[in-house]
Protein backbone atom coordinates (compact mmCIF):
# COMPACT_ATOMS: atom_id res chain seq x y z
CA UNK A 1 0.00 0.00 0.00
CA UNK A 2 1.07 3.54 -0.51
CA UNK A 3 -0.09 6.96 0.60
CA UNK A 4 -1.80 8.98 -2.15
CA UNK A 5 -1.21 12.74 -2.44
CA UNK A 6 -4.61 13.43 -0.86
CA UNK A 7 -3.75 11.28 2.20
CA UNK A 8 -5.71 8.16 1.25
CA UNK A 9 -4.13 4.73 1.21
CA UNK A 10 -3.90 3.18 -2.26
CA UNK A 11 -3.13 -0.43 -3.09
CA UNK A 12 -1.00 -1.25 -6.11
CA UNK A 13 -1.69 -4.64 -7.65
CA UNK A 14 1.11 -5.92 -9.82
CA UNK A 15 -0.10 -9.42 -10.74
CA UNK A 16 -2.56 -10.20 -13.51
CA UNK A 17 -4.90 -13.05 -12.63
CA UNK A 18 -5.13 -15.77 -15.22
CA UNK A 19 -8.30 -17.63 -16.25
CA UNK A 20 -8.71 -20.95 -14.53
CA UNK A 21 -9.30 -24.09 -16.48
CA UNK A 22 -11.83 -26.41 -14.85
CA UNK A 23 -11.77 -30.11 -15.72
CA UNK A 24 -15.13 -31.81 -16.36
CA UNK A 25 -14.71 -33.62 -13.05
CA UNK A 26 -14.17 -30.35 -11.17
CA UNK A 27 -17.21 -28.79 -12.84
CA UNK A 28 -19.40 -31.75 -11.84
CA UNK A 29 -18.11 -31.58 -8.26
CA UNK A 30 -18.94 -27.85 -8.04
CA UNK A 31 -22.44 -28.33 -9.44
CA UNK A 32 -22.97 -31.26 -7.09
CA UNK A 33 -21.87 -29.13 -4.15
CA UNK A 34 -24.39 -26.41 -5.06
CA UNK A 35 -27.16 -29.02 -5.32
CA UNK A 36 -26.68 -30.17 -1.71
CA UNK A 37 -29.38 -29.05 0.72
CA UNK A 38 -28.37 -26.04 2.78
CA UNK A 39 -25.59 -24.84 0.49
CA UNK A 40 -25.94 -21.74 -1.65
CA UNK A 41 -24.31 -20.74 -4.91
CA UNK A 42 -22.68 -17.81 -3.13
CA UNK A 43 -21.16 -19.99 -0.39
CA UNK A 44 -19.73 -22.53 -2.85
CA UNK A 45 -18.37 -19.87 -5.22
CA UNK A 46 -16.78 -17.91 -2.37
CA UNK A 47 -15.19 -21.06 -0.91
CA UNK A 48 -13.58 -21.85 -4.27
CA UNK A 49 -12.58 -18.24 -5.05
CA UNK A 50 -14.70 -17.97 -8.16
CA UNK A 51 -17.37 -15.63 -9.46
CA UNK A 52 -20.90 -16.49 -8.35
CA UNK A 53 -22.15 -15.94 -11.88
CA UNK A 54 -20.10 -18.90 -13.11
CA UNK A 55 -22.18 -21.24 -10.95
CA UNK A 56 -25.53 -19.52 -11.09
CA UNK A 57 -26.78 -20.65 -14.50
C-alpha atoms as a PDB file:
ATOM      1  CA  UNK A   1       0.000   0.000   0.000  1.00  0.00           C
ATOM      2  CA  UNK A   2       1.073   3.542  -0.511  1.00  0.00           C
ATOM      3  CA  UNK A   3      -0.090   6.959   0.601  1.00  0.00           C
ATOM      4  CA  UNK A   4      -1.799   8.979  -2.152  1.00  0.00           C
ATOM      5  CA  UNK A   5      -1.214  12.742  -2.445  1.00  0.00           C
ATOM      6  CA  UNK A   6      -4.608  13.430  -0.860  1.00  0.00           C
ATOM      7  CA  UNK A   7      -3.751  11.284   2.198  1.00  0.00           C
ATOM      8  CA  UNK A   8      -5.711   8.160   1.251  1.00  0.00           C
ATOM      9  CA  UNK A   9      -4.127   4.726   1.206  1.00  0.00           C
ATOM     10  CA  UNK A  10      -3.901   3.175  -2.258  1.00  0.00           C
ATOM     11  CA  UNK A  11      -3.129  -0.434  -3.089  1.00  0.00           C
ATOM     12  CA  UNK A  12      -0.998  -1.252  -6.106  1.00  0.00           C
ATOM     13  CA  UNK A  13      -1.691  -4.643  -7.650  1.00  0.00           C
ATOM     14  CA  UNK A  14       1.115  -5.924  -9.823  1.00  0.00           C
ATOM     15  CA  UNK A  15      -0.098  -9.416 -10.741  1.00  0.00           C
ATOM     16  CA  UNK A  16      -2.557 -10.202 -13.506  1.00  0.00           C
ATOM     17  CA  UNK A  17      -4.904 -13.047 -12.631  1.00  0.00           C
ATOM     18  CA  UNK A  18      -5.132 -15.773 -15.224  1.00  0.00           C
ATOM     19  CA  UNK A  19      -8.295 -17.626 -16.247  1.00  0.00           C
ATOM     20  CA  UNK A  20      -8.712 -20.948 -14.531  1.00  0.00           C
ATOM     21  CA  UNK A  21      -9.298 -24.094 -16.477  1.00  0.00           C
ATOM     22  CA  UNK A  22     -11.825 -26.410 -14.850  1.00  0.00           C
ATOM     23  CA  UNK A  23     -11.771 -30.111 -15.719  1.00  0.00           C
ATOM     24  CA  UNK A  24     -15.126 -31.805 -16.358  1.00  0.00           C
ATOM     25  CA  UNK A  25     -14.713 -33.621 -13.046  1.00  0.00           C
ATOM     26  CA  UNK A  26     -14.169 -30.347 -11.168  1.00  0.00           C
ATOM     27  CA  UNK A  27     -17.210 -28.793 -12.835  1.00  0.00           C
ATOM     28  CA  UNK A  28     -19.400 -31.755 -11.837  1.00  0.00           C
ATOM     29  CA  UNK A  29     -18.111 -31.575  -8.265  1.00  0.00           C
ATOM     30  CA  UNK A  30     -18.938 -27.847  -8.037  1.00  0.00           C
ATOM     31  CA  UNK A  31     -22.439 -28.327  -9.442  1.00  0.00           C
ATOM     32  CA  UNK A  32     -22.974 -31.264  -7.088  1.00  0.00           C
ATOM     33  CA  UNK A  33     -21.875 -29.132  -4.153  1.00  0.00           C
ATOM     34  CA  UNK A  34     -24.386 -26.413  -5.057  1.00  0.00           C
ATOM     35  CA  UNK A  35     -27.155 -29.019  -5.320  1.00  0.00           C
ATOM     36  CA  UNK A  36     -26.681 -30.169  -1.714  1.00  0.00           C
ATOM     37  CA  UNK A  37     -29.384 -29.055   0.718  1.00  0.00           C
ATOM     38  CA  UNK A  38     -28.375 -26.043   2.781  1.00  0.00           C
ATOM     39  CA  UNK A  39     -25.593 -24.840   0.487  1.00  0.00           C
ATOM     40  CA  UNK A  40     -25.937 -21.736  -1.648  1.00  0.00           C
ATOM     41  CA  UNK A  41     -24.314 -20.737  -4.911  1.00  0.00           C
ATOM     42  CA  UNK A  42     -22.679 -17.810  -3.126  1.00  0.00           C
ATOM     43  CA  UNK A  43     -21.162 -19.994  -0.394  1.00  0.00           C
ATOM     44  CA  UNK A  44     -19.732 -22.530  -2.846  1.00  0.00           C
ATOM     45  CA  UNK A  45     -18.373 -19.867  -5.215  1.00  0.00           C
ATOM     46  CA  UNK A  46     -16.776 -17.912  -2.367  1.00  0.00           C
ATOM     47  CA  UNK A  47     -15.192 -21.060  -0.907  1.00  0.00           C
ATOM     48  CA  UNK A  48     -13.577 -21.848  -4.269  1.00  0.00           C
ATOM     49  CA  UNK A  49     -12.583 -18.243  -5.047  1.00  0.00           C
ATOM     50  CA  UNK A  50     -14.704 -17.971  -8.156  1.00  0.00           C
ATOM     51  CA  UNK A  51     -17.374 -15.628  -9.456  1.00  0.00           C
ATOM     52  CA  UNK A  52     -20.895 -16.491  -8.346  1.00  0.00           C
ATOM     53  CA  UNK A  53     -22.155 -15.944 -11.877  1.00  0.00           C
ATOM     54  CA  UNK A  54     -20.099 -18.897 -13.113  1.00  0.00           C
ATOM     55  CA  UNK A  55     -22.183 -21.242 -10.948  1.00  0.00           C
ATOM     56  CA  UNK A  56     -25.531 -19.523 -11.087  1.00  0.00           C
ATOM     57  CA  UNK A  57     -26.779 -20.648 -14.500  1.00  0.00           C
END
